[in-house]
Amino acid sequence: MVKKFIDTDPNLLDDDKRIILRYSHPRFDKTNTDYYYLLLDKNHLLWTSKGYFPSINGKPAKWTGGTDIEFPKEGLLWFIKSIEQKFLKTEAQGGLEKGAFTYSEEIKGEKLAIKRQFGVPGYGLMNFSREGHGFAEGDVQLAEFTDVMLFDNGLFKQFTDIAKQIENGEI
């Protein structure tokens, strides 16, 4: 049985005591910035986000967002190693076979998967052992990271540093 988490309130994120990483990224249209947080809750990590939803049709502007994905903290190290060893290497080097765009494994009893995303290039981290906090019942949890976020703007390096702390028992 997986530990249940309550969806994170985007209005309370900035003051959350569990924050171990803050990351911001401009929206695709450059009109606003989205904010992301990695929270440590004992043996789990929660990737959360918030974005500003402007006033429309007389409705007040507000922060929207919440928890995108929850996973065992060891899953971050798996995410980093999987991208490096399965997605960034050719089949001959031990990477995924040609034409494969997903990789999954069970980490601490939870089925995690990574998928290569197209359109806006990036990676999706999914947890099939947990239901999403969205509107559709039965949706799996999914966090999406563009290549720009990960590689151009340093998020992959920040994740790598945190994963090393987890591996060393510091977190």
C-alpha atoms as a PDB file:
ATOM      1  CA  MET A   1       0.000   0.000   0.000  1.00  0.00           C
ATOM      2  CA  VAL A   2       1.463   3.354  -1.028  1.00  0.00           C
ATOM      3  CA  LYS A   3       1.424   6.316   1.314  1.00  0.00           C
ATOM      4  CA  LYS A   4      -1.362   8.776   0.426  1.00  0.00           C
ATOM      5  CA  PHE A   5      -0.600  12.470   0.055  1.00  0.00           C
ATOM      6  CA  ILE A   6      -3.022  15.365  -0.076  1.00  0.00           C
ATOM      7  CA  ASP A   7      -2.724  17.574  -3.162  1.00  0.00           C
ATOM      8  CA  THR A   8      -0.477  20.529  -2.360  1.00  0.00           C
ATOM      9  CA  ASP A   9      -2.191  23.913  -2.188  1.00  0.00           C
ATOM     10  CA  PRO A  10      -0.400  26.260  -4.641  1.00  0.00           C
ATOM     11  CA  ASN A  11      -1.130  29.225  -2.343  1.00  0.00           C
ATOM     12  CA  LEU A  12       0.907  27.631   0.461  1.00  0.00           C
ATOM     13  CA  LEU A  13       3.873  26.346  -1.533  1.00  0.00           C
ATOM     14  CA  ASP A  14       6.303  29.209  -0.907  1.00  0.00           C
ATOM     15  CA  ASP A  15       6.211  28.621   2.850  1.00  0.00           C
ATOM     16  CA  ASP A  16       6.262  24.807   2.779  1.00  0.00           C
ATOM     17  CA  LYS A  17       8.952  23.490   5.174  1.00  0.00           C
ATOM     18  CA  ARG A  18       9.553  20.424   2.968  1.00  0.00           C
ATOM     19  CA  ILE A  19      11.080  22.383   0.047  1.00  0.00           C
ATOM     20  CA  ILE A  20      14.502  21.120  -1.022  1.00  0.00           C
ATOM     21  CA  LEU A  21      14.491  22.720  -4.484  1.00  0.00           C
ATOM     22  CA  ARG A  22      12.851  25.778  -6.039  1.00  0.00           C
ATOM     23  CA  TYR A  23      12.844  26.213  -9.800  1.00  0.00           C
ATOM     24  CA  SER A  24      11.146  28.775 -12.021  1.00  0.00           C
ATOM     25  CA  HIS A  25      10.663  28.764 -15.762  1.00  0.00           C
ATOM     26  CA  PRO A  26       9.007  31.268 -18.109  1.00  0.00           C
ATOM     27  CA  ARG A  27       5.874  30.036 -19.838  1.00  0.00           C
ATOM     28  CA  PHE A  28       6.055  29.250 -23.533  1.00  0.00           C
ATOM     29  CA  ASP A  29       4.370  32.557 -24.365  1.00  0.00           C
ATOM     30  CA  LYS A  30       6.679  34.500 -21.981  1.00  0.00           C
ATOM     31  CA  THR A  31       3.661  36.199 -20.346  1.00  0.00           C
ATOM     32  CA  ASN A  32       4.254  34.705 -16.886  1.00  0.00           C
ATOM     33  CA  THR A  33       6.511  32.377 -14.988  1.00  0.00           C
ATOM     34  CA  ASP A  34       5.681  28.912 -13.678  1.00  0.00           C
ATOM     35  CA  TYR A  35       7.143  27.886 -10.339  1.00  0.00           C
ATOM     36  CA  TYR A  36       8.181  24.372  -9.381  1.00  0.00           C
ATOM     37  CA  TYR A  37       9.142  22.869  -6.042  1.00  0.00           C
ATOM     38  CA  LEU A  38      10.664  19.564  -5.010  1.00  0.00           C
ATOM     39  CA  LEU A  39       9.400  18.619  -1.570  1.00  0.00           C
ATOM     40  CA  LEU A  40      10.892  15.970   0.714  1.00  0.00           C
ATOM     41  CA  ASP A  41       8.276  14.197   2.828  1.00  0.00           C
ATOM     42  CA  LYS A  42      10.176  11.536   4.806  1.00  0.00           C
ATOM     43  CA  ASN A  43      10.960   8.849   2.196  1.00  0.00           C
ATOM     44  CA  HIS A  44       9.098  10.457  -0.691  1.00  0.00           C
ATOM     45  CA  LEU A  45       9.599  13.340  -3.065  1.00  0.00           C
ATOM     46  CA  LEU A  46       6.761  15.457  -4.408  1.00  0.00           C
ATOM     47  CA  TRP A  47       7.168  17.551  -7.555  1.00  0.00           C
ATOM     48  CA  THR A  48       4.721  20.415  -7.268  1.00  0.00           C
ATOM     49  CA  SER A  49       3.975  23.456  -9.379  1.00  0.00           C
ATOM     50  CA  LYS A  50       2.054  26.674  -9.453  1.00  0.00           C
ATOM     51  CA  GLY A  51       1.228  29.148 -12.152  1.00  0.00           C
ATOM     52  CA  TYR A  52      -0.647  32.425 -12.197  1.00  0.00           C
ATOM     53  CA  PHE A  53      -4.034  32.240 -13.867  1.00  0.00           C
ATOM     54  CA  PRO A  54      -5.092  35.758 -14.917  1.00  0.00           C
ATOM     55  CA  SER A  55      -8.475  37.365 -14.375  1.00  0.00           C
ATOM     56  CA  ILE A  56     -10.932  36.325 -17.096  1.00  0.00           C
ATOM     57  CA  ASN A  57     -14.582  37.313 -17.542  1.00  0.00           C
ATOM     58  CA  GLY A  58     -14.643  39.116 -14.203  1.00  0.00           C
ATOM     59  CA  LYS A  59     -13.298  36.145 -12.248  1.00  0.00           C
ATOM     60  CA  PRO A  60     -10.368  37.065  -9.998  1.00  0.00           C
ATOM     61  CA  ALA A  61      -6.818  36.050 -10.858  1.00  0.00           C
ATOM     62  CA  LYS A  62      -5.478  33.139  -8.824  1.00  0.00           C
ATOM     63  CA  TRP A  63      -2.652  30.674  -8.390  1.00  0.00           C
ATOM     64  CA  THR A  64      -3.344  27.227  -9.836  1.00  0.00           C
ATOM     65  CA  GLY A  65      -1.355  24.022  -9.593  1.00  0.00           C
ATOM     66  CA  GLY A  66      -0.526  21.478  -6.938  1.00  0.00           C
ATOM     67  CA  THR A  67       1.196  18.128  -6.816  1.00  0.00           C
ATOM     68  CA  ASP A  68       2.203  16.693 -10.190  1.00  0.00           C
ATOM     69  CA  ILE A  69       3.855  13.495  -8.981  1.00  0.00           C
ATOM     70  CA  GLU A  70       4.830  11.684  -5.782  1.00  0.00           C
ATOM     71  CA  PHE A  71       7.476   8.960  -5.731  1.00  0.00           C
ATOM     72  CA  PRO A  72       9.993   7.238  -3.435  1.00  0.00           C
ATOM     73  CA  LYS A  73      13.048   9.469  -3.031  1.00  0.00           C
ATOM     74  CA  GLU A  74      15.223   6.757  -4.621  1.00  0.00           C
ATOM     75  CA  GLY A  75      13.215   7.357  -7.784  1.00  0.00           C
ATOM     76  CA  LEU A  76      15.117  10.584  -8.414  1.00  0.00           C
ATOM     77  CA  LEU A  77      18.426   8.724  -8.686  1.00  0.00           C
ATOM     78  CA  TRP A  78      16.714   6.197 -10.989  1.00  0.00           C
ATOM     79  CA  PHE A  79      15.332   9.059 -13.140  1.00  0.00           C
ATOM     80  CA  ILE A  80      18.814  10.609 -13.537  1.00  0.00           C
ATOM     81  CA  LYS A  81      20.564   7.303 -14.279  1.00  0.00           C
ATOM     82  CA  SER A  82      17.840   6.182 -16.685  1.00  0.00           C
ATOM     83  CA  ILE A  83      18.087   9.343 -18.760  1.00  0.00           C
ATOM     84  CA  GLU A  84      21.891   9.123 -18.822  1.00  0.00           C
ATOM     85  CA  GLN A  85      22.122   5.384 -19.497  1.00  0.00           C
ATOM     86  CA  LYS A  86      18.948   4.588 -21.461  1.00  0.00           C
ATOM     87  CA  PHE A  87      17.994   7.751 -23.361  1.00  0.00           C
ATOM     88  CA  LEU A  88      21.285   9.559 -23.960  1.00  0.00           C
ATOM     89  CA  LYS A  89      23.110   6.468 -25.206  1.00  0.00           C
ATOM     90  CA  THR A  90      22.639   4.529 -28.400  1.00  0.00           C
ATOM     91  CA  GLU A  91      21.428   0.949 -28.417  1.00  0.00           C
ATOM     92  CA  ALA A  92      25.015  -0.178 -29.106  1.00  0.00           C
ATOM     93  CA  GLN A  93      26.156   1.717 -25.987  1.00  0.00           C
ATOM     94  CA  GLY A  94      23.512   0.024 -23.811  1.00  0.00           C
ATOM     95  CA  GLY A  95      20.714   2.545 -24.317  1.00  0.00           C
ATOM     96  CA  LEU A  96      17.159   1.795 -25.338  1.00  0.00           C
ATOM     97  CA  GLU A  97      16.659  -0.135 -28.536  1.00  0.00           C
ATOM     98  CA  LYS A  98      15.979   1.908 -31.631  1.00  0.00           C
ATOM     99  CA  GLY A  99      12.355   3.050 -31.742  1.00  0.00           C
ATOM    100  CA  ALA A 100      11.796   2.679 -27.973  1.00  0.00           C
ATOM    101  CA  PHE A 101      10.706   5.845 -26.197  1.00  0.00           C
ATOM    102  CA  THR A 102       9.760   4.616 -22.719  1.00  0.00           C
ATOM    103  CA  TYR A 103      11.529   2.886 -19.876  1.00  0.00           C
ATOM    104  CA  SER A 104       9.975   1.652 -16.636  1.00  0.00           C
ATOM    105  CA  GLU A 105      11.025  -0.050 -13.446  1.00  0.00           C
ATOM    106  CA  GLU A 106       9.660  -0.727  -9.982  1.00  0.00           C
ATOM    107  CA  ILE A 107      11.299   1.454  -7.329  1.00  0.00           C
ATOM    108  CA  LYS A 108      10.442   0.736  -3.681  1.00  0.00           C
ATOM    109  CA  GLY A 109       7.203  -0.948  -4.725  1.00  0.00           C
ATOM    110  CA  GLU A 110       6.045   1.786  -7.119  1.00  0.00           C
ATOM    111  CA  LYS A 111       6.044   1.473 -10.909  1.00  0.00           C
ATOM    112  CA  LEU A 112       7.847   4.491 -12.349  1.00  0.00           C
ATOM    113  CA  ALA A 113       8.282   5.188 -16.045  1.00  0.00           C
ATOM    114  CA  ILE A 114      10.071   7.729 -18.186  1.00  0.00           C
ATOM    115  CA  LYS A 115       8.857   8.652 -21.635  1.00  0.00           C
ATOM    116  CA  ARG A 116      10.566  10.752 -24.250  1.00  0.00           C
ATOM    117  CA  GLN A 117       8.254  13.555 -25.278  1.00  0.00           C
ATOM    118  CA  PHE A 118       7.994  15.119 -28.696  1.00  0.00           C
ATOM    119  CA  GLY A 119       6.491  18.367 -29.918  1.00  0.00           C
ATOM    120  CA  VAL A 120       8.157  20.276 -27.106  1.00  0.00           C
ATOM    121  CA  PRO A 121      11.123  17.929 -26.561  1.00  0.00           C
ATOM    122  CA  GLY A 122      11.541  16.643 -23.050  1.00  0.00           C
ATOM    123  CA  TYR A 123      10.847  13.797 -20.658  1.00  0.00           C
ATOM    124  CA  GLY A 124       7.822  12.738 -18.681  1.00  0.00           C
ATOM    125  CA  LEU A 125       8.181  10.997 -15.326  1.00  0.00           C
ATOM    126  CA  MET A 126       5.142   8.877 -14.498  1.00  0.00           C
ATOM    127  CA  ASN A 127       4.063   6.938 -11.436  1.00  0.00           C
ATOM    128  CA  PHE A 128       1.619   4.188 -12.365  1.00  0.00           C
ATOM    129  CA  SER A 129       1.167   3.224  -8.710  1.00  0.00           C
ATOM    130  CA  ARG A 130      -0.567   6.493  -7.822  1.00  0.00           C
ATOM    131  CA  GLU A 131      -3.625   8.240  -9.144  1.00  0.00           C
ATOM    132  CA  GLY A 132      -3.196  11.817 -10.291  1.00  0.00           C
ATOM    133  CA  HIS A 133      -4.690  14.786  -8.469  1.00  0.00           C
ATOM    134  CA  GLY A 134      -6.307  16.068 -11.669  1.00  0.00           C
ATOM    135  CA  PHE A 135      -9.890  16.000 -12.839  1.00  0.00           C
ATOM    136  CA  ALA A 136      -9.955  12.659 -14.668  1.00  0.00           C
ATOM    137  CA  GLU A 137     -10.374   9.626 -12.454  1.00  0.00           C
ATOM    138  CA  GLY A 138      -7.763   6.933 -13.054  1.00  0.00           C
ATOM    139  CA  ASP A 139      -5.112   9.249 -14.518  1.00  0.00           C
ATOM    140  CA  VAL A 140      -1.582   8.343 -13.505  1.00  0.00           C
ATOM    141  CA  GLN A 141       0.690  10.940 -11.985  1.00  0.00           C
ATOM    142  CA  LEU A 142       2.890  12.724 -14.498  1.00  0.00           C
ATOM    143  CA  ALA A 143       5.559  15.402 -14.277  1.00  0.00           C
ATOM    144  CA  GLU A 144       6.812  16.889 -17.539  1.00  0.00           C
ATOM    145  CA  PHE A 145      10.250  18.405 -18.028  1.00  0.00           C
ATOM    146  CA  THR A 146      11.327  20.078 -21.246  1.00  0.00           C
ATOM    147  CA  ASP A 147      14.874  19.695 -22.527  1.00  0.00           C
ATOM    148  CA  VAL A 148      15.293  23.445 -22.003  1.00  0.00           C
ATOM    149  CA  MET A 149      14.363  23.080 -18.321  1.00  0.00           C
ATOM    150  CA  LEU A 150      16.571  20.056 -17.778  1.00  0.00           C
ATOM    151  CA  PHE A 151      19.654  20.734 -19.834  1.00  0.00           C
ATOM    152  CA  ASP A 152      19.753  24.400 -20.842  1.00  0.00           C
ATOM    153  CA  ASN A 153      18.514  25.846 -17.547  1.00  0.00           C
ATOM    154  CA  GLY A 154      20.234  23.479 -15.117  1.00  0.00           C
ATOM    155  CA  LEU A 155      17.397  21.444 -13.610  1.00  0.00           C
ATOM    156  CA  PHE A 156      19.074  18.130 -14.506  1.00  0.00           C
ATOM    157  CA  LYS A 157      22.229  19.218 -12.637  1.00  0.00           C
ATOM    158  CA  GLN A 158      20.161  20.270  -9.620  1.00  0.00           C
ATOM    159  CA  PHE A 159      18.348  16.907  -9.664  1.00  0.00           C
ATOM    160  CA  THR A 160      21.718  15.136  -9.956  1.00  0.00           C
ATOM    161  CA  ASP A 161      23.065  16.979  -6.893  1.00  0.00           C
ATOM    162  CA  ILE A 162      19.996  16.041  -4.829  1.00  0.00           C
ATOM    163  CA  ALA A 163      20.134  12.433  -6.058  1.00  0.00           C
ATOM    164  CA  LYS A 164      23.760  12.198  -4.860  1.00  0.00           C
ATOM    165  CA  GLN A 165      22.692  13.461  -1.430  1.00  0.00           C
ATOM    166  CA  ILE A 166      19.984  10.782  -1.340  1.00  0.00           C
ATOM    167  CA  GLU A 167      22.456   8.107  -2.430  1.00  0.00           C
ATOM    168  CA  ASN A 168      24.893   9.227   0.295  1.00  0.00           C
ATOM    169  CA  GLY A 169      22.169   9.098   2.955  1.00  0.00           C
ATOM    170  CA  GLU A 170      22.306  12.866   3.545  1.00  0.00           C
ATOM    171  CA  ILE A 171      18.639  13.283   2.599  1.00  0.00           C
END
